[in-house]
């Protein structure tokens, strides 16, 4: 659990409540005192979560016994180790690259669900956990924010880990590509065994030469001081998801992107799994606020990215996902029969 007041942008809490991906920490809602609970639906809209003036959606209120003294954000409990704890393990490059790509795509998917670019803001070895099955999970979103100009915490209030932060974060100009830099620094640090604070430009070049291609080139691009170079270094679907460009499925199959439609209300909690909270906590549904959550990306920013992508001859008419990484097929697998899924493939 984390205190509600420790979050830079409380809208991220709501976003994590309604986003389902195995590579991001799951949020269950907000725990509060018994006195606050009866008026929670009112407070969620007007007071309780308005540590800021930014519009947010409601979220579940979680009952804990005993109730907390202050309002706490409740996350799932994970058993595993941090990325820093496996820094010396000998693993094939393909495993590192697969983990890297999964985290990159999960962050992009979070922006897609939000309808605006989202920045984690504190990606570092201690904020990436590995479950017993070696599945990476990104944790600690207290520094995360939506980059839509509505976050009340100014960019000058940097709260990440300096040795893994992108240059623009230190000059109060963060962007979605800042996370790509931090993720690149994180992976290079654990693969080389060199702490981020000792990864100077000269040392980075030396350590990159020891990594096999093509992951070497991907990391090199993500560690560029130019956000445009970082963007071009990852899969084209990252740009499509983060900047709201069209993500088109096959023309002969009519599939509605599941994450875009709000068919799953935030007051609905999944059936308990191994990654769910203990039975001591129960959930009370909080009504949905009518304030629209989907923020508008500035048109100038959207046009700049679109023009750049078109200039690189990247067509958005083709599906940007590989079959094994398609989030729509994954979502469909939970809703459709085997025969229907075969048709989509």
C-alpha atoms as a PDB file:
ATOM      1  CA  UNK A   1       0.000   0.000   0.000  1.00  0.00           C
ATOM      2  CA  UNK A   2       1.031   3.582  -0.606  1.00  0.00           C
ATOM      3  CA  UNK A   3      -0.417   6.807   0.838  1.00  0.00           C
ATOM      4  CA  UNK A   4      -2.729   8.553  -1.593  1.00  0.00           C
ATOM      5  CA  UNK A   5      -0.862  11.813  -1.093  1.00  0.00           C
ATOM      6  CA  UNK A   6       2.403  10.290  -2.356  1.00  0.00           C
ATOM      7  CA  UNK A   7       1.197  10.155  -5.986  1.00  0.00           C
ATOM      8  CA  UNK A   8       2.202  12.902  -8.407  1.00  0.00           C
ATOM      9  CA  UNK A   9      -0.933  12.383 -10.514  1.00  0.00           C
ATOM     10  CA  UNK A  10      -3.875  10.629  -8.840  1.00  0.00           C
ATOM     11  CA  UNK A  11      -5.460   9.904 -12.236  1.00  0.00           C
ATOM     12  CA  UNK A  12      -2.850   7.187 -12.668  1.00  0.00           C
ATOM     13  CA  UNK A  13      -4.462   5.265  -9.784  1.00  0.00           C
ATOM     14  CA  UNK A  14      -7.744   5.134 -11.662  1.00  0.00           C
ATOM     15  CA  UNK A  15      -5.920   4.115 -14.826  1.00  0.00           C
ATOM     16  CA  UNK A  16      -4.132   1.214 -13.128  1.00  0.00           C
ATOM     17  CA  UNK A  17      -7.443   0.024 -11.663  1.00  0.00           C
ATOM     18  CA  UNK A  18      -8.979  -0.505 -15.086  1.00  0.00           C
ATOM     19  CA  UNK A  19      -5.938  -1.615 -17.064  1.00  0.00           C
ATOM     20  CA  UNK A  20      -5.174  -5.321 -17.222  1.00  0.00           C
ATOM     21  CA  UNK A  21      -1.741  -6.428 -18.403  1.00  0.00           C
ATOM     22  CA  UNK A  22       0.494  -8.997 -16.690  1.00  0.00           C
ATOM     23  CA  UNK A  23       3.518  -6.694 -16.904  1.00  0.00           C
ATOM     24  CA  UNK A  24       2.186  -3.758 -14.873  1.00  0.00           C
ATOM     25  CA  UNK A  25       1.379  -3.760 -11.165  1.00  0.00           C
ATOM     26  CA  UNK A  26      -2.346  -4.166 -10.561  1.00  0.00           C
ATOM     27  CA  UNK A  27      -4.192  -1.605  -8.432  1.00  0.00           C
ATOM     28  CA  UNK A  28      -7.312  -2.597  -6.470  1.00  0.00           C
ATOM     29  CA  UNK A  29      -8.526   0.779  -5.252  1.00  0.00           C
ATOM     30  CA  UNK A  30      -8.343   3.044  -2.222  1.00  0.00           C
ATOM     31  CA  UNK A  31      -8.672   1.944   1.409  1.00  0.00           C
ATOM     32  CA  UNK A  32     -10.149   4.403   3.848  1.00  0.00           C
ATOM     33  CA  UNK A  33     -11.630   4.635   7.311  1.00  0.00           C
ATOM     34  CA  UNK A  34     -15.110   3.330   8.066  1.00  0.00           C
ATOM     35  CA  UNK A  35     -16.274   6.902   8.583  1.00  0.00           C
ATOM     36  CA  UNK A  36     -15.250   7.852   5.054  1.00  0.00           C
ATOM     37  CA  UNK A  37     -16.688   4.797   3.339  1.00  0.00           C
ATOM     38  CA  UNK A  38     -20.434   5.721   3.332  1.00  0.00           C
ATOM     39  CA  UNK A  39     -19.738   8.975   1.506  1.00  0.00           C
ATOM     40  CA  UNK A  40     -17.032   7.551  -0.729  1.00  0.00           C
ATOM     41  CA  UNK A  41     -19.030   7.893  -3.943  1.00  0.00           C
ATOM     42  CA  UNK A  42     -19.448  11.615  -3.234  1.00  0.00           C
ATOM     43  CA  UNK A  43     -15.871  12.137  -2.149  1.00  0.00           C
ATOM     44  CA  UNK A  44     -14.410  10.308  -5.112  1.00  0.00           C
ATOM     45  CA  UNK A  45     -15.886  12.995  -7.332  1.00  0.00           C
ATOM     46  CA  UNK A  46     -15.382  16.099  -5.251  1.00  0.00           C
ATOM     47  CA  UNK A  47     -12.922  15.721  -2.416  1.00  0.00           C
ATOM     48  CA  UNK A  48     -11.365  12.404  -1.519  1.00  0.00           C
ATOM     49  CA  UNK A  49      -9.174  11.882  -4.529  1.00  0.00           C
ATOM     50  CA  UNK A  50      -8.903  15.507  -5.513  1.00  0.00           C
ATOM     51  CA  UNK A  51      -5.482  15.976  -4.085  1.00  0.00           C
ATOM     52  CA  UNK A  52      -5.332  17.835  -7.385  1.00  0.00           C
ATOM     53  CA  UNK A  53      -7.927  19.642  -9.481  1.00  0.00           C
ATOM     54  CA  UNK A  54      -7.498  17.204 -12.352  1.00  0.00           C
ATOM     55  CA  UNK A  55     -10.639  15.331 -13.448  1.00  0.00           C
ATOM     56  CA  UNK A  56     -10.483  11.612 -12.709  1.00  0.00           C
ATOM     57  CA  UNK A  57     -12.729   8.605 -12.782  1.00  0.00           C
ATOM     58  CA  UNK A  58     -13.989   6.823  -9.725  1.00  0.00           C
ATOM     59  CA  UNK A  59     -12.441   3.610  -8.460  1.00  0.00           C
ATOM     60  CA  UNK A  60     -13.217   0.837  -5.986  1.00  0.00           C
ATOM     61  CA  UNK A  61     -13.042   1.504  -2.265  1.00  0.00           C
ATOM     62  CA  UNK A  62     -11.295  -1.386  -0.517  1.00  0.00           C
ATOM     63  CA  UNK A  63     -12.295  -2.439   3.000  1.00  0.00           C
ATOM     64  CA  UNK A  64      -9.361  -3.419   5.195  1.00  0.00           C
ATOM     65  CA  UNK A  65      -9.457  -4.817   8.705  1.00  0.00           C
ATOM     66  CA  UNK A  66      -8.299  -2.846  10.555  1.00  0.00           C
ATOM     67  CA  UNK A  67      -8.957   0.239   8.393  1.00  0.00           C
ATOM     68  CA  UNK A  68      -5.967   2.495   7.685  1.00  0.00           C
ATOM     69  CA  UNK A  69      -5.445   5.781   9.513  1.00  0.00           C
ATOM     70  CA  UNK A  70      -5.104   7.611   6.194  1.00  0.00           C
ATOM     71  CA  UNK A  71      -6.286   6.929   2.677  1.00  0.00           C
ATOM     72  CA  UNK A  72      -4.077   4.291   1.119  1.00  0.00           C
ATOM     73  CA  UNK A  73      -3.832   2.978  -2.442  1.00  0.00           C
ATOM     74  CA  UNK A  74      -3.991  -0.820  -2.401  1.00  0.00           C
ATOM     75  CA  UNK A  75      -1.889  -2.815  -4.867  1.00  0.00           C
ATOM     76  CA  UNK A  76      -1.489  -6.521  -5.431  1.00  0.00           C
ATOM     77  CA  UNK A  77       1.163  -8.355  -3.442  1.00  0.00           C
ATOM     78  CA  UNK A  78       3.926  -9.837  -5.574  1.00  0.00           C
ATOM     79  CA  UNK A  79       6.445 -12.483  -4.609  1.00  0.00           C
ATOM     80  CA  UNK A  80       9.659 -12.356  -6.551  1.00  0.00           C
ATOM     81  CA  UNK A  81      12.895 -10.418  -6.835  1.00  0.00           C
ATOM     82  CA  UNK A  82      13.828  -7.085  -8.326  1.00  0.00           C
ATOM     83  CA  UNK A  83      15.741  -6.791 -11.557  1.00  0.00           C
ATOM     84  CA  UNK A  84      18.800  -5.627  -9.621  1.00  0.00           C
ATOM     85  CA  UNK A  85      18.865  -8.941  -7.735  1.00  0.00           C
ATOM     86  CA  UNK A  86      19.419 -10.956 -10.939  1.00  0.00           C
ATOM     87  CA  UNK A  87      21.987  -8.625 -12.477  1.00  0.00           C
ATOM     88  CA  UNK A  88      24.697 -11.287 -12.584  1.00  0.00           C
ATOM     89  CA  UNK A  89      22.573 -14.130 -13.910  1.00  0.00           C
ATOM     90  CA  UNK A  90      23.787 -15.509 -17.218  1.00  0.00           C
ATOM     91  CA  UNK A  91      20.857 -15.370 -19.609  1.00  0.00           C
ATOM     92  CA  UNK A  92      20.608 -15.333 -23.406  1.00  0.00           C
ATOM     93  CA  UNK A  93      20.220 -11.960 -25.048  1.00  0.00           C
ATOM     94  CA  UNK A  94      16.890 -13.087 -26.469  1.00  0.00           C
ATOM     95  CA  UNK A  95      15.446 -13.275 -22.932  1.00  0.00           C
ATOM     96  CA  UNK A  96      16.564  -9.756 -22.056  1.00  0.00           C
ATOM     97  CA  UNK A  97      15.173  -8.386 -25.308  1.00  0.00           C
ATOM     98  CA  UNK A  98      11.862 -10.207 -24.827  1.00  0.00           C
ATOM     99  CA  UNK A  99      11.479  -8.714 -21.310  1.00  0.00           C
ATOM    100  CA  UNK A 100      12.417  -5.273 -22.596  1.00  0.00           C
ATOM    101  CA  UNK A 101       9.856  -5.425 -25.424  1.00  0.00           C
ATOM    102  CA  UNK A 102       7.080  -6.595 -23.110  1.00  0.00           C
ATOM    103  CA  UNK A 103       7.606  -3.704 -20.726  1.00  0.00           C
ATOM    104  CA  UNK A 104       7.819  -1.197 -23.588  1.00  0.00           C
ATOM    105  CA  UNK A 105       4.554  -2.427 -25.099  1.00  0.00           C
ATOM    106  CA  UNK A 106       2.788  -2.503 -21.715  1.00  0.00           C
ATOM    107  CA  UNK A 107       3.686   1.140 -21.082  1.00  0.00           C
ATOM    108  CA  UNK A 108       2.438   2.037 -24.547  1.00  0.00           C
ATOM    109  CA  UNK A 109      -0.784   0.149 -23.889  1.00  0.00           C
ATOM    110  CA  UNK A 110      -1.289   2.160 -20.693  1.00  0.00           C
ATOM    111  CA  UNK A 111      -1.139   5.378 -22.737  1.00  0.00           C
ATOM    112  CA  UNK A 112      -3.565   3.909 -25.252  1.00  0.00           C
ATOM    113  CA  UNK A 113      -6.100   3.118 -22.520  1.00  0.00           C
ATOM    114  CA  UNK A 114      -5.643   6.577 -20.979  1.00  0.00           C
ATOM    115  CA  UNK A 115      -6.132   8.397 -24.273  1.00  0.00           C
ATOM    116  CA  UNK A 116      -3.024  10.507 -23.555  1.00  0.00           C
ATOM    117  CA  UNK A 117       0.699   9.809 -23.196  1.00  0.00           C
ATOM    118  CA  UNK A 118       1.577   8.390 -19.785  1.00  0.00           C
ATOM    119  CA  UNK A 119       5.059   8.499 -18.242  1.00  0.00           C
ATOM    120  CA  UNK A 120       6.083   6.152 -15.426  1.00  0.00           C
ATOM    121  CA  UNK A 121       8.782   8.589 -14.367  1.00  0.00           C
ATOM    122  CA  UNK A 122      10.893   6.291 -12.173  1.00  0.00           C
ATOM    123  CA  UNK A 123      11.986   3.207 -14.104  1.00  0.00           C
ATOM    124  CA  UNK A 124      15.024   1.740 -12.352  1.00  0.00           C
ATOM    125  CA  UNK A 125      16.277  -1.779 -11.443  1.00  0.00           C
ATOM    126  CA  UNK A 126      14.473  -1.718  -8.091  1.00  0.00           C
ATOM    127  CA  UNK A 127      11.158  -0.889  -9.779  1.00  0.00           C
ATOM    128  CA  UNK A 128      11.109  -3.921 -12.078  1.00  0.00           C
ATOM    129  CA  UNK A 129      10.166  -7.173 -10.349  1.00  0.00           C
ATOM    130  CA  UNK A 130      10.429 -10.726 -11.611  1.00  0.00           C
ATOM    131  CA  UNK A 131       7.890 -13.299 -10.538  1.00  0.00           C
ATOM    132  CA  UNK A 132       8.883 -16.933  -9.952  1.00  0.00           C
ATOM    133  CA  UNK A 133       8.090 -17.702 -13.606  1.00  0.00           C
ATOM    134  CA  UNK A 134      10.529 -14.956 -14.699  1.00  0.00           C
ATOM    135  CA  UNK A 135       7.717 -12.646 -15.789  1.00  0.00           C
ATOM    136  CA  UNK A 136       8.740  -8.964 -15.491  1.00  0.00           C
ATOM    137  CA  UNK A 137       6.359  -6.565 -13.741  1.00  0.00           C
ATOM    138  CA  UNK A 138       6.834  -2.798 -13.557  1.00  0.00           C
ATOM    139  CA  UNK A 139       5.997  -1.413 -10.099  1.00  0.00           C
ATOM    140  CA  UNK A 140       5.912   1.886  -8.144  1.00  0.00           C
ATOM    141  CA  UNK A 141       3.799   4.352 -10.122  1.00  0.00           C
ATOM    142  CA  UNK A 142       3.914   7.121  -7.517  1.00  0.00           C
ATOM    143  CA  UNK A 143       5.921   9.332  -9.907  1.00  0.00           C
ATOM    144  CA  UNK A 144       3.775   8.512 -12.949  1.00  0.00           C
ATOM    145  CA  UNK A 145       1.706  11.179 -14.683  1.00  0.00           C
ATOM    146  CA  UNK A 146      -0.397  11.828 -17.734  1.00  0.00           C
ATOM    147  CA  UNK A 147       1.442  14.195 -20.064  1.00  0.00           C
ATOM    148  CA  UNK A 148      -1.638  16.139 -21.108  1.00  0.00           C
ATOM    149  CA  UNK A 149      -0.823  19.431 -19.372  1.00  0.00           C
ATOM    150  CA  UNK A 150      -3.381  18.817 -16.611  1.00  0.00           C
ATOM    151  CA  UNK A 151      -1.144  17.273 -13.968  1.00  0.00           C
ATOM    152  CA  UNK A 152      -0.919  19.835 -11.127  1.00  0.00           C
ATOM    153  CA  UNK A 153       2.615  18.791 -10.169  1.00  0.00           C
ATOM    154  CA  UNK A 154       4.957  20.874 -12.367  1.00  0.00           C
ATOM    155  CA  UNK A 155       7.656  19.054 -14.379  1.00  0.00           C
ATOM    156  CA  UNK A 156      10.270  20.833 -12.261  1.00  0.00           C
ATOM    157  CA  UNK A 157       9.218  18.576  -9.368  1.00  0.00           C
ATOM    158  CA  UNK A 158      11.347  15.609 -10.419  1.00  0.00           C
ATOM    159  CA  UNK A 159      10.825  12.553  -8.231  1.00  0.00           C
ATOM    160  CA  UNK A 160      12.527   9.729 -10.141  1.00  0.00           C
ATOM    161  CA  UNK A 161      15.949   8.102  -9.840  1.00  0.00           C
ATOM    162  CA  UNK A 162      18.460  10.587 -11.206  1.00  0.00           C
ATOM    163  CA  UNK A 163      21.041   8.081 -12.468  1.00  0.00           C
ATOM    164  CA  UNK A 164      18.432   6.413 -14.728  1.00  0.00           C
ATOM    165  CA  UNK A 165      16.500   9.510 -15.799  1.00  0.00           C
ATOM    166  CA  UNK A 166      16.481  10.896 -19.334  1.00  0.00           C
ATOM    167  CA  UNK A 167      18.262  14.254 -19.882  1.00  0.00           C
ATOM    168  CA  UNK A 168      15.000  16.107 -20.581  1.00  0.00           C
ATOM    169  CA  UNK A 169      13.559  15.048 -17.203  1.00  0.00           C
ATOM    170  CA  UNK A 170      16.327  16.967 -15.492  1.00  0.00           C
ATOM    171  CA  UNK A 171      15.509  20.070 -17.535  1.00  0.00           C
ATOM    172  CA  UNK A 172      11.750  19.970 -16.768  1.00  0.00           C
ATOM    173  CA  UNK A 173      10.716  18.743 -20.225  1.00  0.00           C
ATOM    174  CA  UNK A 174       9.630  15.097 -19.750  1.00  0.00           C
ATOM    175  CA  UNK A 175       8.027  13.161 -22.598  1.00  0.00           C
ATOM    176  CA  UNK A 176       6.801   9.581 -23.188  1.00  0.00           C
ATOM    177  CA  UNK A 177      10.178   8.732 -24.716  1.00  0.00           C
ATOM    178  CA  UNK A 178      11.775   9.501 -21.336  1.00  0.00           C
ATOM    179  CA  UNK A 179      10.644   6.087 -20.144  1.00  0.00           C
ATOM    180  CA  UNK A 180      12.409   4.450 -23.102  1.00  0.00           C
ATOM    181  CA  UNK A 181      15.672   6.048 -21.968  1.00  0.00           C
ATOM    182  CA  UNK A 182      15.176   4.936 -18.354  1.00  0.00           C
ATOM    183  CA  UNK A 183      14.275   1.409 -19.409  1.00  0.00           C
ATOM    184  CA  UNK A 184      17.363   1.260 -21.630  1.00  0.00           C
ATOM    185  CA  UNK A 185      19.580   2.467 -18.778  1.00  0.00           C
ATOM    186  CA  UNK A 186      17.973  -0.044 -16.426  1.00  0.00           C
ATOM    187  CA  UNK A 187      18.594  -3.017 -18.699  1.00  0.00           C
ATOM    188  CA  UNK A 188      22.117  -1.949 -19.594  1.00  0.00           C
ATOM    189  CA  UNK A 189      22.922  -1.527 -15.914  1.00  0.00           C
ATOM    190  CA  UNK A 190      21.718  -4.982 -14.867  1.00  0.00           C
ATOM    191  CA  UNK A 191      23.184  -6.732 -17.902  1.00  0.00           C
ATOM    192  CA  UNK A 192      26.593  -5.184 -17.332  1.00  0.00           C
ATOM    193  CA  UNK A 193      26.527  -5.169 -13.526  1.00  0.00           C
ATOM    194  CA  UNK A 194      27.410  -1.473 -13.550  1.00  0.00           C
ATOM    195  CA  UNK A 195      25.236   0.854 -11.392  1.00  0.00           C
ATOM    196  CA  UNK A 196      23.497   3.637 -13.287  1.00  0.00           C
ATOM    197  CA  UNK A 197      25.494   6.362 -11.550  1.00  0.00           C
ATOM    198  CA  UNK A 198      28.694   4.886 -13.027  1.00  0.00           C
ATOM    199  CA  UNK A 199      27.372   4.580 -16.562  1.00  0.00           C
ATOM    200  CA  UNK A 200      29.048   7.569 -18.157  1.00  0.00           C
ATOM    201  CA  UNK A 201      28.765   8.116 -21.914  1.00  0.00           C
ATOM    202  CA  UNK A 202      32.137   6.409 -22.455  1.00  0.00           C
ATOM    203  CA  UNK A 203      31.164   3.460 -20.250  1.00  0.00           C
ATOM    204  CA  UNK A 204      27.797   3.126 -21.997  1.00  0.00           C
ATOM    205  CA  UNK A 205      29.505   2.809 -25.391  1.00  0.00           C
ATOM    206  CA  UNK A 206      31.869   0.191 -24.008  1.00  0.00           C
ATOM    207  CA  UNK A 207      29.127  -1.895 -22.416  1.00  0.00           C
ATOM    208  CA  UNK A 208      26.924  -1.703 -25.508  1.00  0.00           C
ATOM    209  CA  UNK A 209      29.708  -3.212 -27.633  1.00  0.00           C
ATOM    210  CA  UNK A 210      29.527  -6.334 -25.458  1.00  0.00           C
ATOM    211  CA  UNK A 211      25.858  -6.936 -26.291  1.00  0.00           C
ATOM    212  CA  UNK A 212      24.885  -8.884 -29.366  1.00  0.00           C
ATOM    213  CA  UNK A 213      22.802  -7.296 -32.111  1.00  0.00           C
ATOM    214  CA  UNK A 214      20.018  -6.428 -32.713  1.00  0.00           C
ATOM    215  CA  UNK A 215      19.318  -5.719 -29.040  1.00  0.00           C
ATOM    216  CA  UNK A 216      22.501  -3.659 -28.948  1.00  0.00           C
ATOM    217  CA  UNK A 217      21.102  -1.267 -31.548  1.00  0.00           C
ATOM    218  CA  UNK A 218      17.747  -1.074 -29.804  1.00  0.00           C
ATOM    219  CA  UNK A 219      19.396  -0.107 -26.510  1.00  0.00           C
ATOM    220  CA  UNK A 220      21.722   2.313 -28.270  1.00  0.00           C
ATOM    221  CA  UNK A 221      18.767   4.076 -29.842  1.00  0.00           C
ATOM    222  CA  UNK A 222      16.808   4.213 -26.583  1.00  0.00           C
ATOM    223  CA  UNK A 223      19.823   5.774 -24.846  1.00  0.00           C
ATOM    224  CA  UNK A 224      20.057   8.563 -27.402  1.00  0.00           C
ATOM    225  CA  UNK A 225      19.649  12.126 -26.055  1.00  0.00           C
ATOM    226  CA  UNK A 226      17.154  12.688 -28.903  1.00  0.00           C
ATOM    227  CA  UNK A 227      13.631  11.414 -28.107  1.00  0.00           C
ATOM    228  CA  UNK A 228      12.930  10.993 -31.845  1.00  0.00           C
ATOM    229  CA  UNK A 229      15.760   8.476 -32.140  1.00  0.00           C
ATOM    230  CA  UNK A 230      14.393   6.541 -29.161  1.00  0.00           C
ATOM    231  CA  UNK A 231      10.946   6.451 -30.729  1.00  0.00           C
ATOM    232  CA  UNK A 232      12.333   5.038 -33.963  1.00  0.00           C
ATOM    233  CA  UNK A 233      14.253   2.351 -32.059  1.00  0.00           C
ATOM    234  CA  UNK A 234      11.207   0.477 -30.781  1.00  0.00           C
ATOM    235  CA  UNK A 235       8.339  -1.224 -32.572  1.00  0.00           C
ATOM    236  CA  UNK A 236       6.161   1.113 -34.666  1.00  0.00           C
ATOM    237  CA  UNK A 237       3.133   0.114 -32.594  1.00  0.00           C
ATOM    238  CA  UNK A 238       4.605   2.065 -29.657  1.00  0.00           C
ATOM    239  CA  UNK A 239       4.058   5.350 -31.501  1.00  0.00           C
ATOM    240  CA  UNK A 240       0.588   4.265 -32.612  1.00  0.00           C
ATOM    241  CA  UNK A 241      -0.501   3.474 -29.072  1.00  0.00           C
ATOM    242  CA  UNK A 242       1.162   6.353 -27.214  1.00  0.00           C
ATOM    243  CA  UNK A 243       0.234   9.162 -29.588  1.00  0.00           C
ATOM    244  CA  UNK A 244      -3.251   7.976 -30.497  1.00  0.00           C
ATOM    245  CA  UNK A 245      -2.557   7.127 -34.099  1.00  0.00           C
ATOM    246  CA  UNK A 246      -4.849   4.545 -35.722  1.00  0.00           C
ATOM    247  CA  UNK A 247      -4.212   0.927 -34.823  1.00  0.00           C
ATOM    248  CA  UNK A 248      -5.997  -0.998 -37.545  1.00  0.00           C
ATOM    249  CA  UNK A 249      -6.794  -4.710 -37.505  1.00  0.00           C
ATOM    250  CA  UNK A 250      -7.101  -6.876 -40.597  1.00  0.00           C
ATOM    251  CA  UNK A 251      -9.546  -5.353 -43.042  1.00  0.00           C
ATOM    252  CA  UNK A 252     -11.446  -8.609 -43.496  1.00  0.00           C
ATOM    253  CA  UNK A 253     -12.195  -9.036 -39.802  1.00  0.00           C
ATOM    254  CA  UNK A 254     -14.330  -6.594 -37.850  1.00  0.00           C
ATOM    255  CA  UNK A 255     -12.852  -6.436 -34.361  1.00  0.00           C
ATOM    256  CA  UNK A 256     -13.523  -3.661 -31.865  1.00  0.00           C
ATOM    257  CA  UNK A 257     -10.384  -2.802 -29.837  1.00  0.00           C
ATOM    258  CA  UNK A 258     -11.392  -4.055 -26.404  1.00  0.00           C
ATOM    259  CA  UNK A 259      -9.335  -1.583 -24.366  1.00  0.00           C
ATOM    260  CA  UNK A 260     -10.752   1.454 -26.158  1.00  0.00           C
ATOM    261  CA  UNK A 261     -14.359   0.724 -25.253  1.00  0.00           C
ATOM    262  CA  UNK A 262     -15.267   1.033 -21.617  1.00  0.00           C
ATOM    263  CA  UNK A 263     -17.133  -2.286 -21.450  1.00  0.00           C
ATOM    264  CA  UNK A 264     -15.406  -3.092 -18.194  1.00  0.00           C
ATOM    265  CA  UNK A 265     -16.395  -0.532 -15.543  1.00  0.00           C
ATOM    266  CA  UNK A 266     -13.862   0.247 -12.891  1.00  0.00           C
ATOM    267  CA  UNK A 267     -16.169  -0.938 -10.162  1.00  0.00           C
ATOM    268  CA  UNK A 268     -15.835  -4.501 -11.447  1.00  0.00           C
ATOM    269  CA  UNK A 269     -13.124  -6.555  -9.770  1.00  0.00           C
ATOM    270  CA  UNK A 270     -11.704  -9.664 -11.434  1.00  0.00           C
ATOM    271  CA  UNK A 271     -12.140 -13.071  -9.882  1.00  0.00           C
ATOM    272  CA  UNK A 272      -9.375 -13.774  -7.311  1.00  0.00           C
ATOM    273  CA  UNK A 273      -6.171 -15.205  -8.751  1.00  0.00           C
ATOM    274  CA  UNK A 274      -2.734 -15.991  -7.398  1.00  0.00           C
ATOM    275  CA  UNK A 275      -1.887 -12.340  -7.955  1.00  0.00           C
ATOM    276  CA  UNK A 276      -4.903 -11.012  -6.037  1.00  0.00           C
ATOM    277  CA  UNK A 277      -4.917  -9.479  -2.591  1.00  0.00           C
ATOM    278  CA  UNK A 278      -5.669 -11.588   0.476  1.00  0.00           C
ATOM    279  CA  UNK A 279      -9.185 -12.502   1.544  1.00  0.00           C
ATOM    280  CA  UNK A 280      -8.928 -10.043   4.426  1.00  0.00           C
ATOM    281  CA  UNK A 281      -9.735  -7.207   2.006  1.00  0.00           C
ATOM    282  CA  UNK A 282     -13.155  -6.849   0.432  1.00  0.00           C
ATOM    283  CA  UNK A 283     -14.203  -4.373  -2.201  1.00  0.00           C
ATOM    284  CA  UNK A 284     -17.057  -1.883  -2.290  1.00  0.00           C
ATOM    285  CA  UNK A 285     -18.100  -0.575  -5.704  1.00  0.00           C
ATOM    286  CA  UNK A 286     -17.967   3.177  -6.164  1.00  0.00           C
ATOM    287  CA  UNK A 287     -20.200   4.688  -8.824  1.00  0.00           C
ATOM    288  CA  UNK A 288     -18.599   5.991 -11.975  1.00  0.00           C
ATOM    289  CA  UNK A 289     -18.172   9.743 -12.270  1.00  0.00           C
ATOM    290  CA  UNK A 290     -19.496  11.250 -15.470  1.00  0.00           C
ATOM    291  CA  UNK A 291     -16.396  13.336 -16.051  1.00  0.00           C
ATOM    292  CA  UNK A 292     -14.744  12.079 -19.253  1.00  0.00           C
ATOM    293  CA  UNK A 293     -11.337  10.619 -18.585  1.00  0.00           C
ATOM    294  CA  UNK A 294     -10.026  10.568 -22.111  1.00  0.00           C
ATOM    295  CA  UNK A 295      -7.791  13.595 -22.462  1.00  0.00           C
ATOM    296  CA  UNK A 296      -6.978  15.299 -25.716  1.00  0.00           C
ATOM    297  CA  UNK A 297      -3.443  15.175 -26.988  1.00  0.00           C
ATOM    298  CA  UNK A 298      -2.403  18.652 -28.171  1.00  0.00           C
ATOM    299  CA  UNK A 299      -3.009  18.824 -31.921  1.00  0.00           C
ATOM    300  CA  UNK A 300       0.418  20.318 -32.556  1.00  0.00           C
ATOM    301  CA  UNK A 301       2.086  17.395 -30.806  1.00  0.00           C
ATOM    302  CA  UNK A 302      -0.068  14.824 -32.590  1.00  0.00           C
ATOM    303  CA  UNK A 303       0.585  16.417 -36.011  1.00  0.00           C
ATOM    304  CA  UNK A 304       4.343  16.529 -35.389  1.00  0.00           C
ATOM    305  CA  UNK A 305       4.506  12.841 -34.607  1.00  0.00           C
ATOM    306  CA  UNK A 306       2.246  11.844 -37.478  1.00  0.00           C
ATOM    307  CA  UNK A 307       4.255  13.861 -39.984  1.00  0.00           C
ATOM    308  CA  UNK A 308       7.477  12.333 -38.720  1.00  0.00           C
ATOM    309  CA  UNK A 309       6.160   8.796 -38.953  1.00  0.00           C
ATOM    310  CA  UNK A 310       4.791   9.362 -42.444  1.00  0.00           C
ATOM    311  CA  UNK A 311       8.119  10.799 -43.542  1.00  0.00           C
ATOM    312  CA  UNK A 312       9.732   7.535 -42.497  1.00  0.00           C
ATOM    313  CA  UNK A 313       7.257   5.662 -44.732  1.00  0.00           C
ATOM    314  CA  UNK A 314       5.636   3.845 -41.828  1.00  0.00           C
ATOM    315  CA  UNK A 315       2.070   3.082 -42.860  1.00  0.00           C
ATOM    316  CA  UNK A 316      -0.588   2.919 -40.157  1.00  0.00           C
ATOM    317  CA  UNK A 317      -2.889   0.921 -42.427  1.00  0.00           C
ATOM    318  CA  UNK A 318      -0.948  -2.259 -41.692  1.00  0.00           C
ATOM    319  CA  UNK A 319      -1.333  -3.951 -38.331  1.00  0.00           C
ATOM    320  CA  UNK A 320       1.664  -2.880 -36.190  1.00  0.00           C
ATOM    321  CA  UNK A 321       1.574  -6.001 -34.009  1.00  0.00           C
ATOM    322  CA  UNK A 322       3.223  -9.328 -34.468  1.00  0.00           C
ATOM    323  CA  UNK A 323       0.832 -12.226 -33.908  1.00  0.00           C
ATOM    324  CA  UNK A 324       2.532 -13.228 -30.647  1.00  0.00           C
ATOM    325  CA  UNK A 325       2.301  -9.662 -29.270  1.00  0.00           C
ATOM    326  CA  UNK A 326      -1.184  -8.654 -30.427  1.00  0.00           C
ATOM    327  CA  UNK A 327      -3.114  -7.338 -27.389  1.00  0.00           C
ATOM    328  CA  UNK A 328      -6.423  -7.638 -29.226  1.00  0.00           C
ATOM    329  CA  UNK A 329      -5.993 -11.363 -29.786  1.00  0.00           C
ATOM    330  CA  UNK A 330      -5.035 -11.749 -26.151  1.00  0.00           C
ATOM    331  CA  UNK A 331      -8.162  -9.911 -25.021  1.00  0.00           C
ATOM    332  CA  UNK A 332     -10.270 -11.854 -27.484  1.00  0.00           C
ATOM    333  CA  UNK A 333      -8.994 -15.141 -26.074  1.00  0.00           C
ATOM    334  CA  UNK A 334     -10.856 -14.340 -22.877  1.00  0.00           C
ATOM    335  CA  UNK A 335     -14.104 -13.508 -24.685  1.00  0.00           C
ATOM    336  CA  UNK A 336     -14.341 -15.705 -27.759  1.00  0.00           C
ATOM    337  CA  UNK A 337     -14.411 -19.415 -28.497  1.00  0.00           C
ATOM    338  CA  UNK A 338     -11.445 -21.272 -29.964  1.00  0.00           C
ATOM    339  CA  UNK A 339     -13.061 -21.356 -33.409  1.00  0.00           C
ATOM    340  CA  UNK A 340     -13.699 -17.589 -33.373  1.00  0.00           C
ATOM    341  CA  UNK A 341     -10.112 -16.878 -32.329  1.00  0.00           C
ATOM    342  CA  UNK A 342      -8.833 -19.061 -35.185  1.00  0.00           C
ATOM    343  CA  UNK A 343     -10.750 -16.855 -37.608  1.00  0.00           C
ATOM    344  CA  UNK A 344      -8.971 -13.760 -36.277  1.00  0.00           C
ATOM    345  CA  UNK A 345      -5.563 -15.348 -36.729  1.00  0.00           C
END
